[in-house]
């Protein structure tokens, strides 16, 4: 079995920028539009790291 070797296109976690709020909202809308149901939508949003905050402000 081959071992994954890092390439020049790999990005370290610390090099990633946080997603802008408006960009996250747009992505959430796209995911919601294509999800089969609410459970799938929640799963996909979570997997993509764009799940809405559950804050009660």
PDB file of N, CA and C in Angstrom:
ATOM      1  N   UNK A   1       0.854  -1.173   0.000  1.00  0.00           N
ATOM      2  CA  UNK A   1       0.000   0.000   0.000  1.00  0.00           C
ATOM      3  C   UNK A   1       0.899   1.234   0.000  1.00  0.00           C
ATOM      4  N   UNK A   2       0.599   2.186  -0.852  1.00  0.00           N
ATOM      5  CA  UNK A   2       1.413   3.389  -0.976  1.00  0.00           C
ATOM      6  C   UNK A   2       1.089   4.366   0.145  1.00  0.00           C
ATOM      7  N   UNK A   3       2.106   5.057   0.597  1.00  0.00           N
ATOM      8  CA  UNK A   3       1.938   6.072   1.623  1.00  0.00           C
ATOM      9  C   UNK A   3       1.754   7.418   0.948  1.00  0.00           C
ATOM     10  N   UNK A   4       0.837   8.229   1.470  1.00  0.00           N
ATOM     11  CA  UNK A   4       0.610   9.544   0.898  1.00  0.00           C
ATOM     12  C   UNK A   4       1.808  10.434   1.191  1.00  0.00           C
ATOM     13  N   UNK A   5       2.341  11.024   0.170  1.00  0.00           N
ATOM     14  CA  UNK A   5       3.462  11.943   0.342  1.00  0.00           C
ATOM     15  C   UNK A   5       2.965  13.356   0.110  1.00  0.00           C
ATOM     16  N   UNK A   6       3.431  14.300   0.909  1.00  0.00           N
ATOM     17  CA  UNK A   6       2.975  15.674   0.739  1.00  0.00           C
ATOM     18  C   UNK A   6       3.436  16.230  -0.609  1.00  0.00           C
ATOM     19  N   UNK A   7       2.590  17.029  -1.212  1.00  0.00           N
ATOM     20  CA  UNK A   7       2.959  17.672  -2.463  1.00  0.00           C
ATOM     21  C   UNK A   7       3.008  19.180  -2.251  1.00  0.00           C
ATOM     22  N   UNK A   8       3.407  19.879  -3.256  1.00  0.00           N
ATOM     23  CA  UNK A   8       3.517  21.327  -3.130  1.00  0.00           C
ATOM     24  C   UNK A   8       2.155  21.999  -3.081  1.00  0.00           C
ATOM     25  N   UNK A   9       1.078  21.272  -3.391  1.00  0.00           N
ATOM     26  CA  UNK A   9      -0.263  21.854  -3.354  1.00  0.00           C
ATOM     27  C   UNK A   9      -0.970  21.633  -2.022  1.00  0.00           C
ATOM     28  N   UNK A  10      -0.384  20.896  -1.101  1.00  0.00           N
ATOM     29  CA  UNK A  10      -0.989  20.696   0.212  1.00  0.00           C
ATOM     30  C   UNK A  10      -0.979  22.011   0.985  1.00  0.00           C
ATOM     31  N   UNK A  11      -2.069  22.257   1.727  1.00  0.00           N
ATOM     32  CA  UNK A  11      -2.193  23.475   2.519  1.00  0.00           C
ATOM     33  C   UNK A  11      -2.297  23.078   3.983  1.00  0.00           C
ATOM     34  N   UNK A  12      -1.468  23.687   4.816  1.00  0.00           N
ATOM     35  CA  UNK A  12      -1.510  23.420   6.248  1.00  0.00           C
ATOM     36  C   UNK A  12      -2.737  24.105   6.855  1.00  0.00           C
ATOM     37  N   UNK A  13      -3.272  23.522   7.920  1.00  0.00           N
ATOM     38  CA  UNK A  13      -4.450  24.086   8.577  1.00  0.00           C
ATOM     39  C   UNK A  13      -4.232  25.530   9.008  1.00  0.00           C
ATOM     40  N   UNK A  14      -3.045  25.852   9.468  1.00  0.00           N
ATOM     41  CA  UNK A  14      -2.786  27.209   9.942  1.00  0.00           C
ATOM     42  C   UNK A  14      -2.730  28.229   8.799  1.00  0.00           C
ATOM     43  N   UNK A  15      -2.632  27.757   7.560  1.00  0.00           N
ATOM     44  CA  UNK A  15      -2.605  28.654   6.405  1.00  0.00           C
ATOM     45  C   UNK A  15      -3.999  28.970   5.874  1.00  0.00           C
ATOM     46  N   UNK A  16      -5.037  28.317   6.399  1.00  0.00           N
ATOM     47  CA  UNK A  16      -6.399  28.539   5.938  1.00  0.00           C
ATOM     48  C   UNK A  16      -6.992  29.788   6.576  1.00  0.00           C
ATOM     49  N   UNK A  17      -7.694  30.560   5.774  1.00  0.00           N
ATOM     50  CA  UNK A  17      -8.360  31.773   6.262  1.00  0.00           C
ATOM     51  C   UNK A  17      -9.778  31.423   6.687  1.00  0.00           C
ATOM     52  N   UNK A  18     -10.310  32.094   7.712  1.00  0.00           N
ATOM     53  CA  UNK A  18     -11.703  31.861   8.084  1.00  0.00           C
ATOM     54  C   UNK A  18     -12.628  32.322   6.961  1.00  0.00           C
ATOM     55  N   UNK A  19     -13.759  31.658   6.830  1.00  0.00           N
ATOM     56  CA  UNK A  19     -14.727  31.970   5.791  1.00  0.00           C
ATOM     57  C   UNK A  19     -15.522  33.203   6.188  1.00  0.00           C
ATOM     58  N   UNK A  20     -15.692  34.123   5.255  1.00  0.00           N
ATOM     59  CA  UNK A  20     -16.489  35.324   5.522  1.00  0.00           C
ATOM     60  C   UNK A  20     -17.933  34.918   5.786  1.00  0.00           C
ATOM     61  N   UNK A  21     -18.611  35.667   6.645  1.00  0.00           N
ATOM     62  CA  UNK A  21     -19.996  35.344   7.016  1.00  0.00           C
ATOM     63  C   UNK A  21     -20.912  35.272   5.800  1.00  0.00           C
ATOM     64  N   UNK A  22     -20.808  36.231   4.893  1.00  0.00           N
ATOM     65  CA  UNK A  22     -21.683  36.243   3.722  1.00  0.00           C
ATOM     66  C   UNK A  22     -21.392  35.048   2.815  1.00  0.00           C
ATOM     67  N   UNK A  23     -20.131  34.681   2.673  1.00  0.00           N
ATOM     68  CA  UNK A  23     -19.762  33.520   1.862  1.00  0.00           C
ATOM     69  C   UNK A  23     -20.330  32.248   2.470  1.00  0.00           C
ATOM     70  N   UNK A  24     -20.246  32.123   3.789  1.00  0.00           N
ATOM     71  CA  UNK A  24     -20.792  30.950   4.476  1.00  0.00           C
ATOM     72  C   UNK A  24     -22.302  30.883   4.287  1.00  0.00           C
ATOM     73  N   UNK A  25     -22.990  32.017   4.385  1.00  0.00           N
ATOM     74  CA  UNK A  25     -24.445  32.033   4.196  1.00  0.00           C
ATOM     75  C   UNK A  25     -24.828  31.608   2.782  1.00  0.00           C
ATOM     76  N   UNK A  26     -24.078  32.077   1.800  1.00  0.00           N
ATOM     77  CA  UNK A  26     -24.356  31.691   0.414  1.00  0.00           C
ATOM     78  C   UNK A  26     -24.140  30.194   0.217  1.00  0.00           C
ATOM     79  N   UNK A  27     -23.068  29.672   0.798  1.00  0.00           N
ATOM     80  CA  UNK A  27     -22.788  28.240   0.691  1.00  0.00           C
ATOM     81  C   UNK A  27     -23.875  27.429   1.390  1.00  0.00           C
ATOM     82  N   UNK A  28     -24.358  27.903   2.528  1.00  0.00           N
ATOM     83  CA  UNK A  28     -25.428  27.217   3.241  1.00  0.00           C
ATOM     84  C   UNK A  28     -26.687  27.145   2.385  1.00  0.00           C
ATOM     85  N   UNK A  29     -26.999  28.229   1.673  1.00  0.00           N
ATOM     86  CA  UNK A  29     -28.185  28.245   0.811  1.00  0.00           C
ATOM     87  C   UNK A  29     -28.057  27.238  -0.328  1.00  0.00           C
ATOM     88  N   UNK A  30     -26.871  27.151  -0.914  1.00  0.00           N
ATOM     89  CA  UNK A  30     -26.661  26.210  -2.020  1.00  0.00           C
ATOM     90  C   UNK A  30     -26.815  24.779  -1.522  1.00  0.00           C
ATOM     91  N   UNK A  31     -26.206  24.469  -0.375  1.00  0.00           N
ATOM     92  CA  UNK A  31     -26.310  23.123   0.190  1.00  0.00           C
ATOM     93  C   UNK A  31     -27.763  22.800   0.498  1.00  0.00           C
ATOM     94  N   UNK A  32     -28.478  23.742   1.097  1.00  0.00           N
ATOM     95  CA  UNK A  32     -29.884  23.508   1.444  1.00  0.00           C
ATOM     96  C   UNK A  32     -30.732  23.270   0.193  1.00  0.00           C
ATOM     97  N   UNK A  33     -30.421  23.957  -0.886  1.00  0.00           N
ATOM     98  CA  UNK A  33     -31.192  23.808  -2.112  1.00  0.00           C
ATOM     99  C   UNK A  33     -31.020  22.420  -2.732  1.00  0.00           C
ATOM    100  N   UNK A  34     -29.847  21.841  -2.592  1.00  0.00           N
ATOM    101  CA  UNK A  34     -29.575  20.557  -3.236  1.00  0.00           C
ATOM    102  C   UNK A  34     -29.710  19.349  -2.312  1.00  0.00           C
ATOM    103  N   UNK A  35     -29.832  19.566  -1.007  1.00  0.00           N
ATOM    104  CA  UNK A  35     -29.969  18.453  -0.071  1.00  0.00           C
ATOM    105  C   UNK A  35     -31.331  17.785  -0.241  1.00  0.00           C
ATOM    106  N   UNK A  36     -31.348  16.479  -0.066  1.00  0.00           N
ATOM    107  CA  UNK A  36     -32.589  15.708  -0.222  1.00  0.00           C
ATOM    108  C   UNK A  36     -33.574  15.975   0.909  1.00  0.00           C
ATOM    109  N   UNK A  37     -33.060  16.204   2.120  1.00  0.00           N
ATOM    110  CA  UNK A  37     -33.922  16.456   3.268  1.00  0.00           C
ATOM    111  C   UNK A  37     -33.117  17.209   4.331  1.00  0.00           C
ATOM    112  N   UNK A  38     -33.768  17.525   5.447  1.00  0.00           N
ATOM    113  CA  UNK A  38     -33.128  18.320   6.491  1.00  0.00           C
ATOM    114  C   UNK A  38     -31.935  17.594   7.117  1.00  0.00           C
ATOM    115  N   UNK A  39     -32.059  16.285   7.314  1.00  0.00           N
ATOM    116  CA  UNK A  39     -30.948  15.533   7.907  1.00  0.00           C
ATOM    117  C   UNK A  39     -29.718  15.562   7.004  1.00  0.00           C
ATOM    118  N   UNK A  40     -29.926  15.384   5.702  1.00  0.00           N
ATOM    119  CA  UNK A  40     -28.800  15.435   4.778  1.00  0.00           C
ATOM    120  C   UNK A  40     -28.185  16.838   4.756  1.00  0.00           C
ATOM    121  N   UNK A  41     -29.015  17.850   4.811  1.00  0.00           N
ATOM    122  CA  UNK A  41     -28.536  19.228   4.833  1.00  0.00           C
ATOM    123  C   UNK A  41     -27.655  19.470   6.052  1.00  0.00           C
ATOM    124  N   UNK A  42     -28.129  19.057   7.226  1.00  0.00           N
ATOM    125  CA  UNK A  42     -27.342  19.228   8.453  1.00  0.00           C
ATOM    126  C   UNK A  42     -26.010  18.493   8.362  1.00  0.00           C
ATOM    127  N   UNK A  43     -26.032  17.273   7.825  1.00  0.00           N
ATOM    128  CA  UNK A  43     -24.815  16.476   7.699  1.00  0.00           C
ATOM    129  C   UNK A  43     -23.822  17.160   6.765  1.00  0.00           C
ATOM    130  N   UNK A  44     -24.300  17.612   5.606  1.00  0.00           N
ATOM    131  CA  UNK A  44     -23.408  18.248   4.644  1.00  0.00           C
ATOM    132  C   UNK A  44     -22.829  19.555   5.182  1.00  0.00           C
ATOM    133  N   UNK A  45     -23.665  20.361   5.825  1.00  0.00           N
ATOM    134  CA  UNK A  45     -23.178  21.617   6.400  1.00  0.00           C
ATOM    135  C   UNK A  45     -22.102  21.346   7.443  1.00  0.00           C
ATOM    136  N   UNK A  46     -22.322  20.338   8.257  1.00  0.00           N
ATOM    137  CA  UNK A  46     -21.339  19.969   9.279  1.00  0.00           C
ATOM    138  C   UNK A  46     -20.040  19.480   8.649  1.00  0.00           C
ATOM    139  N   UNK A  47     -20.163  18.628   7.632  1.00  0.00           N
ATOM    140  CA  UNK A  47     -18.971  18.100   6.969  1.00  0.00           C
ATOM    141  C   UNK A  47     -18.155  19.210   6.311  1.00  0.00           C
ATOM    142  N   UNK A  48     -18.836  20.212   5.788  1.00  0.00           N
ATOM    143  CA  UNK A  48     -18.154  21.321   5.118  1.00  0.00           C
ATOM    144  C   UNK A  48     -17.659  22.384   6.101  1.00  0.00           C
ATOM    145  N   UNK A  49     -18.057  22.260   7.355  1.00  0.00           N
ATOM    146  CA  UNK A  49     -17.633  23.236   8.366  1.00  0.00           C
ATOM    147  C   UNK A  49     -18.358  24.558   8.255  1.00  0.00           C
ATOM    148  N   UNK A  50     -19.562  24.530   7.700  1.00  0.00           N
ATOM    149  CA  UNK A  50     -20.328  25.770   7.541  1.00  0.00           C
ATOM    150  C   UNK A  50     -21.690  25.671   8.221  1.00  0.00           C
ATOM    151  N   UNK A  51     -21.796  24.802   9.218  1.00  0.00           N
ATOM    152  CA  UNK A  51     -23.059  24.670   9.949  1.00  0.00           C
ATOM    153  C   UNK A  51     -23.353  25.996  10.656  1.00  0.00           C
ATOM    154  N   UNK A  52     -24.625  26.417  10.668  1.00  0.00           N
ATOM    155  CA  UNK A  52     -24.955  27.667  11.331  1.00  0.00           C
ATOM    156  C   UNK A  52     -24.694  27.592  12.830  1.00  0.00           C
ATOM    157  N   UNK A  53     -24.380  28.728  13.403  1.00  0.00           N
ATOM    158  CA  UNK A  53     -24.147  28.792  14.854  1.00  0.00           C
ATOM    159  C   UNK A  53     -25.458  28.567  15.587  1.00  0.00           C
ATOM    160  N   UNK A  54     -25.380  27.925  16.730  1.00  0.00           N
ATOM    161  CA  UNK A  54     -26.566  27.685  17.539  1.00  0.00           C
ATOM    162  C   UNK A  54     -26.634  28.655  18.706  1.00  0.00           C
ATOM    163  N   UNK A  55     -26.115  29.863  18.495  1.00  0.00           N
ATOM    164  CA  UNK A  55     -26.128  30.871  19.556  1.00  0.00           C
ATOM    165  C   UNK A  55     -27.503  31.485  19.686  1.00  0.00           C
ATOM    166  N   UNK A  56     -27.842  31.871  20.894  1.00  0.00           N
ATOM    167  CA  UNK A  56     -29.111  32.545  21.152  1.00  0.00           C
ATOM    168  C   UNK A  56     -28.818  33.992  21.518  1.00  0.00           C
ATOM    169  N   UNK A  57     -28.463  34.789  20.513  1.00  0.00           N
ATOM    170  CA  UNK A  57     -28.134  36.210  20.764  1.00  0.00           C
ATOM    171  C   UNK A  57     -29.370  37.069  20.711  1.00  0.00           C
TER     172      UNK A  57
END
